[in-house]
Amino acid sequence: MSVLLFLKLLHLVNEVKMELMIVEQLFNRLDALDSRLDAIQLLLKVMEVRIRLMESRIDYRFDRMEEQTIVSI
């Protein structure tokens, strides 16, 4: 009887190991998704800076055009 109990226990241990491997894989996927999210957020910040830079260039050009218009009048 103790051999049967030992085999059942061994089977349960193996099932738990398999479940732990699945959980570990899920955590690895979550880590990968978190890294992707960090990269996307960084890219978003870069895009925001580029947009602000383009806006300031446009403002500068309009200011220069206004100055030239005033000077030519």
PDB file of N, CA and C in Angstrom:
ATOM      1  N   MET A   1       0.820  -1.191   0.000  1.00  0.00           N
ATOM      2  CA  MET A   1       0.000   0.000   0.000  1.00  0.00           C
ATOM      3  C   MET A   1       0.860   1.248   0.000  1.00  0.00           C
ATOM      4  N   SER A   2       1.945   1.224   0.689  1.00  0.00           N
ATOM      5  CA  SER A   2       2.797   2.412   0.718  1.00  0.00           C
ATOM      6  C   SER A   2       3.434   2.683  -0.643  1.00  0.00           C
ATOM      7  N   VAL A   3       3.641   1.627  -1.451  1.00  0.00           N
ATOM      8  CA  VAL A   3       4.195   1.818  -2.797  1.00  0.00           C
ATOM      9  C   VAL A   3       3.186   2.548  -3.665  1.00  0.00           C
ATOM     10  N   LEU A   4       1.919   2.172  -3.543  1.00  0.00           N
ATOM     11  CA  LEU A   4       0.866   2.836  -4.306  1.00  0.00           C
ATOM     12  C   LEU A   4       0.749   4.303  -3.905  1.00  0.00           C
ATOM     13  N   LEU A   5       0.814   4.555  -2.623  1.00  0.00           N
ATOM     14  CA  LEU A   5       0.764   5.928  -2.133  1.00  0.00           C
ATOM     15  C   LEU A   5       1.954   6.730  -2.641  1.00  0.00           C
ATOM     16  N   PHE A   6       3.118   6.115  -2.632  1.00  0.00           N
ATOM     17  CA  PHE A   6       4.320   6.780  -3.139  1.00  0.00           C
ATOM     18  C   PHE A   6       4.177   7.112  -4.620  1.00  0.00           C
ATOM     19  N   LEU A   7       3.631   6.188  -5.404  1.00  0.00           N
ATOM     20  CA  LEU A   7       3.445   6.430  -6.840  1.00  0.00           C
ATOM     21  C   LEU A   7       2.445   7.557  -7.095  1.00  0.00           C
ATOM     22  N   LYS A   8       1.387   7.596  -6.298  1.00  0.00           N
ATOM     23  CA  LYS A   8       0.413   8.689  -6.424  1.00  0.00           C
ATOM     24  C   LYS A   8       1.064  10.028  -6.086  1.00  0.00           C
ATOM     25  N   LEU A   9       1.836  10.015  -5.028  1.00  0.00           N
ATOM     26  CA  LEU A   9       2.536  11.235  -4.626  1.00  0.00           C
ATOM     27  C   LEU A   9       3.518  11.679  -5.703  1.00  0.00           C
ATOM     28  N   LEU A  10       4.229  10.736  -6.278  1.00  0.00           N
ATOM     29  CA  LEU A  10       5.167  11.040  -7.352  1.00  0.00           C
ATOM     30  C   LEU A  10       4.440  11.629  -8.559  1.00  0.00           C
ATOM     31  N   HIS A  11       3.284  11.066  -8.861  1.00  0.00           N
ATOM     32  CA  HIS A  11       2.477  11.590  -9.965  1.00  0.00           C
ATOM     33  C   HIS A  11       2.040  13.031  -9.683  1.00  0.00           C
ATOM     34  N   LEU A  12       1.605  13.290  -8.463  1.00  0.00           N
ATOM     35  CA  LEU A  12       1.197  14.651  -8.092  1.00  0.00           C
ATOM     36  C   LEU A  12       2.367  15.626  -8.178  1.00  0.00           C
ATOM     37  N   VAL A  13       3.526  15.184  -7.750  1.00  0.00           N
ATOM     38  CA  VAL A  13       4.719  16.036  -7.825  1.00  0.00           C
ATOM     39  C   VAL A  13       5.025  16.376  -9.278  1.00  0.00           C
ATOM     40  N   ASN A  14       4.920  15.399 -10.155  1.00  0.00           N
ATOM     41  CA  ASN A  14       5.166  15.648 -11.575  1.00  0.00           C
ATOM     42  C   ASN A  14       4.145  16.618 -12.162  1.00  0.00           C
ATOM     43  N   GLU A  15       2.898  16.496 -11.743  1.00  0.00           N
ATOM     44  CA  GLU A  15       1.869  17.431 -12.208  1.00  0.00           C
ATOM     45  C   GLU A  15       2.172  18.851 -11.737  1.00  0.00           C
ATOM     46  N   VAL A  16       2.582  18.964 -10.490  1.00  0.00           N
ATOM     47  CA  VAL A  16       2.924  20.287  -9.956  1.00  0.00           C
ATOM     48  C   VAL A  16       4.106  20.877 -10.716  1.00  0.00           C
ATOM     49  N   LYS A  17       5.090  20.049 -11.046  1.00  0.00           N
ATOM     50  CA  LYS A  17       6.240  20.530 -11.818  1.00  0.00           C
ATOM     51  C   LYS A  17       5.799  21.057 -13.174  1.00  0.00           C
ATOM     52  N   MET A  18       4.882  20.326 -13.814  1.00  0.00           N
ATOM     53  CA  MET A  18       4.384  20.769 -15.115  1.00  0.00           C
ATOM     54  C   MET A  18       3.638  22.093 -14.989  1.00  0.00           C
ATOM     55  N   GLU A  19       2.830  22.218 -13.958  1.00  0.00           N
ATOM     56  CA  GLU A  19       2.093  23.465 -13.735  1.00  0.00           C
ATOM     57  C   GLU A  19       3.060  24.620 -13.466  1.00  0.00           C
ATOM     58  N   LEU A  20       4.109  24.344 -12.702  1.00  0.00           N
ATOM     59  CA  LEU A  20       5.102  25.381 -12.429  1.00  0.00           C
ATOM     60  C   LEU A  20       5.818  25.817 -13.704  1.00  0.00           C
ATOM     61  N   MET A  21       6.077  24.866 -14.595  1.00  0.00           N
ATOM     62  CA  MET A  21       6.701  25.219 -15.870  1.00  0.00           C
ATOM     63  C   MET A  21       5.781  26.115 -16.690  1.00  0.00           C
ATOM     64  N   ILE A  22       4.486  25.825 -16.663  1.00  0.00           N
ATOM     65  CA  ILE A  22       3.522  26.656 -17.384  1.00  0.00           C
ATOM     66  C   ILE A  22       3.497  28.059 -16.792  1.00  0.00           C
ATOM     67  N   VAL A  23       3.480  28.143 -15.472  1.00  0.00           N
ATOM     68  CA  VAL A  23       3.490  29.452 -14.812  1.00  0.00           C
ATOM     69  C   VAL A  23       4.768  30.214 -15.153  1.00  0.00           C
ATOM     70  N   GLU A  24       5.897  29.514 -15.172  1.00  0.00           N
ATOM     71  CA  GLU A  24       7.164  30.160 -15.523  1.00  0.00           C
ATOM     72  C   GLU A  24       7.125  30.690 -16.952  1.00  0.00           C
ATOM     73  N   GLN A  25       6.543  29.923 -17.868  1.00  0.00           N
ATOM     74  CA  GLN A  25       6.412  30.383 -19.250  1.00  0.00           C
ATOM     75  C   GLN A  25       5.531  31.621 -19.332  1.00  0.00           C
ATOM     76  N   LEU A  26       4.469  31.628 -18.543  1.00  0.00           N
ATOM     77  CA  LEU A  26       3.591  32.804 -18.526  1.00  0.00           C
ATOM     78  C   LEU A  26       4.330  34.038 -18.015  1.00  0.00           C
ATOM     79  N   PHE A  27       5.119  33.861 -16.967  1.00  0.00           N
ATOM     80  CA  PHE A  27       5.899  34.987 -16.453  1.00  0.00           C
ATOM     81  C   PHE A  27       6.915  35.468 -17.479  1.00  0.00           C
ATOM     82  N   ASN A  28       7.529  34.545 -18.211  1.00  0.00           N
ATOM     83  CA  ASN A  28       8.466  34.943 -19.264  1.00  0.00           C
ATOM     84  C   ASN A  28       7.759  35.748 -20.348  1.00  0.00           C
ATOM     85  N   ARG A  29       6.557  35.325 -20.698  1.00  0.00           N
ATOM     86  CA  ARG A  29       5.787  36.077 -21.702  1.00  0.00           C
ATOM     87  C   ARG A  29       5.427  37.462 -21.182  1.00  0.00           C
ATOM     88  N   LEU A  30       5.051  37.513 -19.907  1.00  0.00           N
ATOM     89  CA  LEU A  30       4.728  38.816 -19.318  1.00  0.00           C
ATOM     90  C   LEU A  30       5.948  39.736 -19.311  1.00  0.00           C
ATOM     91  N   ASP A  31       7.109  39.189 -18.997  1.00  0.00           N
ATOM     92  CA  ASP A  31       8.341  39.983 -19.033  1.00  0.00           C
ATOM     93  C   ASP A  31       8.604  40.503 -20.438  1.00  0.00           C
ATOM     94  N   ALA A  32       8.394  39.655 -21.440  1.00  0.00           N
ATOM     95  CA  ALA A  32       8.595  40.077 -22.826  1.00  0.00           C
ATOM     96  C   ALA A  32       7.609  41.173 -23.202  1.00  0.00           C
ATOM     97  N   LEU A  33       6.352  41.021 -22.784  1.00  0.00           N
ATOM     98  CA  LEU A  33       5.355  42.053 -23.072  1.00  0.00           C
ATOM     99  C   LEU A  33       5.695  43.360 -22.366  1.00  0.00           C
ATOM    100  N   ASP A  34       6.191  43.255 -21.141  1.00  0.00           N
ATOM    101  CA  ASP A  34       6.584  44.452 -20.398  1.00  0.00           C
ATOM    102  C   ASP A  34       7.731  45.171 -21.102  1.00  0.00           C
ATOM    103  N   SER A  35       8.673  44.410 -21.615  1.00  0.00           N
ATOM    104  CA  SER A  35       9.786  45.014 -22.354  1.00  0.00           C
ATOM    105  C   SER A  35       9.290  45.693 -23.618  1.00  0.00           C
ATOM    106  N   ARG A  36       8.356  45.042 -24.299  1.00  0.00           N
ATOM    107  CA  ARG A  36       7.780  45.654 -25.502  1.00  0.00           C
ATOM    108  C   ARG A  36       7.056  46.942 -25.154  1.00  0.00           C
ATOM    109  N   LEU A  37       6.313  46.916 -24.058  1.00  0.00           N
ATOM    110  CA  LEU A  37       5.593  48.115 -23.635  1.00  0.00           C
ATOM    111  C   LEU A  37       6.567  49.245 -23.323  1.00  0.00           C
ATOM    112  N   ASP A  38       7.660  48.936 -22.645  1.00  0.00           N
ATOM    113  CA  ASP A  38       8.680  49.946 -22.364  1.00  0.00           C
ATOM    114  C   ASP A  38       9.239  50.524 -23.655  1.00  0.00           C
ATOM    115  N   ALA A  39       9.490  49.664 -24.633  1.00  0.00           N
ATOM    116  CA  ALA A  39      10.023  50.133 -25.915  1.00  0.00           C
ATOM    117  C   ALA A  39       9.011  51.016 -26.632  1.00  0.00           C
ATOM    118  N   ILE A  40       7.748  50.638 -26.585  1.00  0.00           N
ATOM    119  CA  ILE A  40       6.705  51.440 -27.236  1.00  0.00           C
ATOM    120  C   ILE A  40       6.567  52.786 -26.543  1.00  0.00           C
ATOM    121  N   GLN A  41       6.623  52.804 -25.221  1.00  0.00           N
ATOM    122  CA  GLN A  41       6.528  54.069 -24.492  1.00  0.00           C
ATOM    123  C   GLN A  41       7.712  54.971 -24.808  1.00  0.00           C
ATOM    124  N   LEU A  42       8.893  54.397 -24.921  1.00  0.00           N
ATOM    125  CA  LEU A  42      10.068  55.182 -25.287  1.00  0.00           C
ATOM    126  C   LEU A  42       9.921  55.740 -26.690  1.00  0.00           C
ATOM    127  N   LEU A  43       9.431  54.923 -27.605  1.00  0.00           N
ATOM    128  CA  LEU A  43       9.205  55.381 -28.974  1.00  0.00           C
ATOM    129  C   LEU A  43       8.177  56.504 -29.003  1.00  0.00           C
ATOM    130  N   LEU A  44       7.150  56.398 -28.187  1.00  0.00           N
ATOM    131  CA  LEU A  44       6.138  57.443 -28.101  1.00  0.00           C
ATOM    132  C   LEU A  44       6.751  58.756 -27.617  1.00  0.00           C
ATOM    133  N   LYS A  45       7.622  58.687 -26.618  1.00  0.00           N
ATOM    134  CA  LYS A  45       8.284  59.901 -26.134  1.00  0.00           C
ATOM    135  C   LYS A  45       9.144  60.526 -27.224  1.00  0.00           C
ATOM    136  N   VAL A  46       9.855  59.678 -27.985  1.00  0.00           N
ATOM    137  CA  VAL A  46      10.678  60.190 -29.087  1.00  0.00           C
ATOM    138  C   VAL A  46       9.791  60.877 -30.116  1.00  0.00           C
ATOM    139  N   MET A  47       8.663  60.263 -30.443  1.00  0.00           N
ATOM    140  CA  MET A  47       7.741  60.859 -31.419  1.00  0.00           C
ATOM    141  C   MET A  47       7.199  62.197 -30.908  1.00  0.00           C
ATOM    142  N   GLU A  48       6.885  62.272 -29.622  1.00  0.00           N
ATOM    143  CA  GLU A  48       6.393  63.527 -29.059  1.00  0.00           C
ATOM    144  C   GLU A  48       7.448  64.623 -29.166  1.00  0.00           C
ATOM    145  N   VAL A  49       8.693  64.282 -28.892  1.00  0.00           N
ATOM    146  CA  VAL A  49       9.776  65.262 -29.003  1.00  0.00           C
ATOM    147  C   VAL A  49       9.929  65.711 -30.452  1.00  0.00           C
ATOM    148  N   ARG A  50       9.851  64.770 -31.377  1.00  0.00           N
ATOM    149  CA  ARG A  50       9.977  65.124 -32.793  1.00  0.00           C
ATOM    150  C   ARG A  50       8.835  66.038 -33.232  1.00  0.00           C
ATOM    151  N   ILE A  51       7.633  65.769 -32.756  1.00  0.00           N
ATOM    152  CA  ILE A  51       6.487  66.621 -33.095  1.00  0.00           C
ATOM    153  C   ILE A  51       6.698  68.021 -32.541  1.00  0.00           C
ATOM    154  N   ARG A  52       7.147  68.114 -31.294  1.00  0.00           N
ATOM    155  CA  ARG A  52       7.402  69.441 -30.714  1.00  0.00           C
ATOM    156  C   ARG A  52       8.481  70.179 -31.485  1.00  0.00           C
ATOM    157  N   LEU A  53       9.511  69.461 -31.903  1.00  0.00           N
ATOM    158  CA  LEU A  53      10.577  70.074 -32.690  1.00  0.00           C
ATOM    159  C   LEU A  53      10.038  70.583 -34.019  1.00  0.00           C
ATOM    160  N   MET A  54       9.216  69.793 -34.682  1.00  0.00           N
ATOM    161  CA  MET A  54       8.633  70.232 -35.953  1.00  0.00           C
ATOM    162  C   MET A  54       7.725  71.437 -35.740  1.00  0.00           C
ATOM    163  N   GLU A  55       6.951  71.436 -34.665  1.00  0.00           N
ATOM    164  CA  GLU A  55       6.087  72.578 -34.369  1.00  0.00           C
ATOM    165  C   GLU A  55       6.910  73.837 -34.134  1.00  0.00           C
ATOM    166  N   SER A  56       8.018  73.704 -33.408  1.00  0.00           N
ATOM    167  CA  SER A  56       8.846  74.884 -33.151  1.00  0.00           C
ATOM    168  C   SER A  56       9.498  75.375 -34.439  1.00  0.00           C
ATOM    169  N   ARG A  57       9.860  74.472 -35.336  1.00  0.00           N
ATOM    170  CA  ARG A  57      10.413  74.891 -36.626  1.00  0.00           C
ATOM    171  C   ARG A  57       9.373  75.642 -37.444  1.00  0.00           C
ATOM    172  N   ILE A  58       8.141  75.140 -37.421  1.00  0.00           N
ATOM    173  CA  ILE A  58       7.074  75.831 -38.152  1.00  0.00           C
ATOM    174  C   ILE A  58       6.840  77.206 -37.553  1.00  0.00           C
ATOM    175  N   ASP A  59       6.787  77.294 -36.221  1.00  0.00           N
ATOM    176  CA  ASP A  59       6.617  78.596 -35.568  1.00  0.00           C
ATOM    177  C   ASP A  59       7.751  79.535 -35.952  1.00  0.00           C
ATOM    178  N   TYR A  60       8.969  79.026 -35.977  1.00  0.00           N
ATOM    179  CA  TYR A  60      10.126  79.845 -36.336  1.00  0.00           C
ATOM    180  C   TYR A  60       9.984  80.358 -37.766  1.00  0.00           C
ATOM    181  N   ARG A  61       9.569  79.497 -38.669  1.00  0.00           N
ATOM    182  CA  ARG A  61       9.413  79.919 -40.071  1.00  0.00           C
ATOM    183  C   ARG A  61       8.337  80.985 -40.207  1.00  0.00           C
ATOM    184  N   PHE A  62       7.226  80.832 -39.504  1.00  0.00           N
ATOM    185  CA  PHE A  62       6.189  81.857 -39.561  1.00  0.00           C
ATOM    186  C   PHE A  62       6.690  83.175 -38.979  1.00  0.00           C
ATOM    187  N   ASP A  63       7.448  83.092 -37.893  1.00  0.00           N
ATOM    188  CA  ASP A  63       8.021  84.306 -37.311  1.00  0.00           C
ATOM    189  C   ASP A  63       8.946  84.992 -38.301  1.00  0.00           C
ATOM    190  N   ARG A  64       9.767  84.208 -38.986  1.00  0.00           N
ATOM    191  CA  ARG A  64      10.686  84.775 -39.995  1.00  0.00           C
ATOM    192  C   ARG A  64       9.899  85.389 -41.147  1.00  0.00           C
ATOM    193  N   MET A  65       8.829  84.732 -41.562  1.00  0.00           N
ATOM    194  CA  MET A  65       8.010  85.276 -42.653  1.00  0.00           C
ATOM    195  C   MET A  65       7.380  86.593 -42.233  1.00  0.00           C
ATOM    196  N   GLU A  66       6.906  86.674 -40.994  1.00  0.00           N
ATOM    197  CA  GLU A  66       6.317  87.915 -40.499  1.00  0.00           C
ATOM    198  C   GLU A  66       7.362  89.021 -40.447  1.00  0.00           C
ATOM    199  N   GLU A  67       8.567  88.686 -39.992  1.00  0.00           N
ATOM    200  CA  GLU A  67       9.638  89.682 -39.944  1.00  0.00           C
ATOM    201  C   GLU A  67       9.959  90.190 -41.343  1.00  0.00           C
ATOM    202  N   GLN A  68      10.031  89.302 -42.312  1.00  0.00           N
ATOM    203  CA  GLN A  68      10.342  89.711 -43.679  1.00  0.00           C
ATOM    204  C   GLN A  68       9.220  90.555 -44.259  1.00  0.00           C
ATOM    205  N   THR A  69       7.978  90.221 -43.911  1.00  0.00           N
ATOM    206  CA  THR A  69       6.847  91.003 -44.397  1.00  0.00           C
ATOM    207  C   THR A  69       6.897  92.405 -43.808  1.00  0.00           C
ATOM    208  N   ILE A  70       7.200  92.511 -42.528  1.00  0.00           N
ATOM    209  CA  ILE A  70       7.279  93.821 -41.880  1.00  0.00           C
ATOM    210  C   ILE A  70       8.422  94.632 -42.476  1.00  0.00           C
ATOM    211  N   VAL A  71       9.559  94.007 -42.709  1.00  0.00           N
ATOM    212  CA  VAL A  71      10.715  94.703 -43.255  1.00  0.00           C
ATOM    213  C   VAL A  71      10.425  95.178 -44.674  1.00  0.00           C
ATOM    214  N   SER A  72       9.717  94.368 -45.453  1.00  0.00           N
ATOM    215  CA  SER A  72       9.452  94.751 -46.839  1.00  0.00           C
ATOM    216  C   SER A  72       8.403  95.842 -46.935  1.00  0.00           C
ATOM    217  N   ILE A  73       7.584  96.016 -45.919  1.00  0.00           N
ATOM    218  CA  ILE A  73       6.581  97.087 -45.938  1.00  0.00           C
ATOM    219  C   ILE A  73       7.290  98.351 -45.579  1.00  0.00           C
TER     220      ILE A  73
END
